[in-house]
N, C-alpha and C. Protein backbone atom coordinates (compact mmCIF):
# COMPACT_ATOMS: atom_id res chain seq x y z
N MET A 1 0.84 -1.18 0.00
CA MET A 1 0.00 0.00 0.00
C MET A 1 0.89 1.24 0.00
N ILE A 2 0.47 2.23 -0.75
CA ILE A 2 1.18 3.50 -0.83
C ILE A 2 0.27 4.56 -0.22
N PRO A 3 0.76 5.28 0.76
CA PRO A 3 -0.08 6.35 1.34
C PRO A 3 -0.39 7.43 0.31
N ASN A 4 -1.59 7.98 0.38
CA ASN A 4 -1.99 9.05 -0.55
C ASN A 4 -1.03 10.23 -0.49
N SER A 5 -0.51 10.54 0.69
CA SER A 5 0.39 11.68 0.80
C SER A 5 1.64 11.47 -0.05
N ASP A 6 2.12 10.23 -0.16
CA ASP A 6 3.29 9.96 -1.01
C ASP A 6 2.95 10.15 -2.48
N LEU A 7 1.76 9.78 -2.88
CA LEU A 7 1.37 9.94 -4.28
C LEU A 7 1.26 11.40 -4.69
N TYR A 8 0.85 12.24 -3.76
CA TYR A 8 0.66 13.66 -4.08
C TYR A 8 1.92 14.48 -3.90
N THR A 9 2.89 14.00 -3.14
CA THR A 9 4.07 14.82 -2.86
C THR A 9 5.36 14.27 -3.46
N SER A 10 5.34 13.08 -4.03
CA SER A 10 6.56 12.47 -4.56
C SER A 10 6.33 12.04 -6.00
N PRO A 11 7.40 12.03 -6.80
CA PRO A 11 7.27 11.52 -8.17
C PRO A 11 6.91 10.04 -8.14
N VAL A 12 6.11 9.62 -9.10
CA VAL A 12 5.73 8.22 -9.21
C VAL A 12 6.25 7.71 -10.56
N ILE A 13 6.99 6.64 -10.55
CA ILE A 13 7.51 6.03 -11.76
C ILE A 13 6.74 4.73 -11.98
N VAL A 14 6.13 4.60 -13.14
CA VAL A 14 5.34 3.42 -13.45
C VAL A 14 6.17 2.52 -14.37
N HIS A 15 6.42 1.31 -13.92
CA HIS A 15 7.12 0.32 -14.74
C HIS A 15 6.08 -0.68 -15.20
N THR A 16 6.10 -0.98 -16.49
CA THR A 16 5.14 -1.92 -17.02
C THR A 16 5.85 -3.04 -17.75
N ALA A 17 5.23 -4.17 -17.83
CA ALA A 17 5.82 -5.32 -18.50
C ALA A 17 5.54 -5.30 -20.00
N PHE A 18 4.72 -4.35 -20.44
CA PHE A 18 4.31 -4.32 -21.83
C PHE A 18 4.89 -3.10 -22.54
N PRO A 19 5.33 -3.26 -23.79
CA PRO A 19 5.93 -2.13 -24.51
C PRO A 19 4.93 -1.08 -24.97
N HIS A 20 3.66 -1.41 -25.02
CA HIS A 20 2.65 -0.48 -25.50
C HIS A 20 1.65 -0.17 -24.40
N ARG A 21 1.17 1.04 -24.41
CA ARG A 21 0.13 1.44 -23.47
C ARG A 21 -1.23 1.33 -24.14
N ARG A 22 -2.22 1.01 -23.35
CA ARG A 22 -3.59 0.99 -23.86
C ARG A 22 -4.26 2.29 -23.49
N GLU A 23 -5.11 2.74 -24.38
CA GLU A 23 -5.87 3.95 -24.13
C GLU A 23 -7.32 3.69 -24.46
N GLN A 24 -8.18 4.45 -23.86
CA GLN A 24 -9.60 4.36 -24.18
C GLN A 24 -10.00 5.65 -24.87
N ILE A 25 -10.61 5.51 -26.02
CA ILE A 25 -11.07 6.65 -26.78
C ILE A 25 -12.55 6.44 -27.05
N ASP A 26 -13.37 7.34 -26.55
CA ASP A 26 -14.81 7.25 -26.74
C ASP A 26 -15.20 7.95 -28.03
N MET A 27 -16.01 7.27 -28.84
CA MET A 27 -16.48 7.83 -30.10
C MET A 27 -17.98 7.62 -30.18
N GLN A 28 -18.63 8.45 -30.92
CA GLN A 28 -20.06 8.27 -31.15
C GLN A 28 -20.32 8.13 -32.64
N ILE A 29 -21.06 7.10 -32.98
CA ILE A 29 -21.49 6.90 -34.35
C ILE A 29 -23.00 6.78 -34.30
N VAL A 30 -23.69 7.63 -35.02
CA VAL A 30 -25.15 7.65 -34.96
C VAL A 30 -25.73 6.71 -36.00
N TYR A 31 -27.00 6.37 -35.82
CA TYR A 31 -27.69 5.52 -36.79
C TYR A 31 -27.62 6.15 -38.17
N GLY A 32 -27.34 5.33 -39.14
CA GLY A 32 -27.25 5.82 -40.51
C GLY A 32 -25.83 6.11 -40.95
N ASP A 33 -24.89 6.24 -40.00
CA ASP A 33 -23.49 6.45 -40.37
C ASP A 33 -22.89 5.15 -40.87
N ASP A 34 -21.89 5.27 -41.71
CA ASP A 34 -21.20 4.10 -42.25
C ASP A 34 -20.15 3.65 -41.23
N TYR A 35 -20.47 2.59 -40.50
CA TYR A 35 -19.58 2.10 -39.44
C TYR A 35 -18.22 1.70 -39.99
N GLU A 36 -18.19 0.98 -41.11
CA GLU A 36 -16.92 0.53 -41.68
C GLU A 36 -16.05 1.72 -42.11
N ALA A 37 -16.65 2.73 -42.71
CA ALA A 37 -15.90 3.91 -43.12
C ALA A 37 -15.34 4.64 -41.90
N ALA A 38 -16.13 4.74 -40.84
CA ALA A 38 -15.67 5.39 -39.62
C ALA A 38 -14.52 4.60 -38.98
N ALA A 39 -14.65 3.28 -38.94
CA ALA A 39 -13.60 2.43 -38.36
C ALA A 39 -12.32 2.54 -39.18
N ASN A 40 -12.43 2.54 -40.49
CA ASN A 40 -11.24 2.67 -41.35
C ASN A 40 -10.58 4.03 -41.18
N LEU A 41 -11.38 5.08 -41.09
CA LEU A 41 -10.83 6.42 -40.87
C LEU A 41 -10.10 6.49 -39.54
N PHE A 42 -10.69 5.90 -38.51
CA PHE A 42 -10.07 5.88 -37.19
C PHE A 42 -8.74 5.11 -37.24
N ARG A 43 -8.74 3.94 -37.85
CA ARG A 43 -7.50 3.15 -37.95
C ARG A 43 -6.42 3.91 -38.72
N LYS A 44 -6.81 4.56 -39.80
CA LYS A 44 -5.84 5.30 -40.61
C LYS A 44 -5.26 6.47 -39.80
N ARG A 45 -6.13 7.17 -39.09
CA ARG A 45 -5.70 8.36 -38.32
C ARG A 45 -4.80 8.00 -37.15
N TYR A 46 -5.12 6.89 -36.46
CA TYR A 46 -4.41 6.58 -35.24
C TYR A 46 -3.43 5.42 -35.36
N SER A 47 -3.16 4.96 -36.57
CA SER A 47 -2.15 3.91 -36.73
C SER A 47 -0.76 4.52 -36.52
N ARG A 48 0.15 3.70 -36.13
CA ARG A 48 1.51 4.17 -35.89
C ARG A 48 2.34 4.24 -37.15
N SER A 49 1.86 3.63 -38.22
CA SER A 49 2.60 3.69 -39.48
C SER A 49 2.25 4.98 -40.21
N PRO A 50 3.23 5.56 -40.91
CA PRO A 50 2.95 6.82 -41.62
C PRO A 50 1.95 6.57 -42.76
N ALA A 51 1.04 7.50 -42.94
CA ALA A 51 0.01 7.35 -43.99
C ALA A 51 0.30 8.26 -45.14
C-alpha cells in the first residue's frame, strides 16, 4: 500500500511489463453512419505507421 500523501508529494515512476500502453477513446457513431468507413478512418488516423 502506498499512502496518498506519497502519491501527491513524490514523483511516481510506473514500470510496465508491456511495450505499448492501452488507451480508451470514446467515439459516437449515430444511426445511418457508415460504421466501416468510420472504423477505417479511425484506424488510418491513429495507426503508428505513416500514412
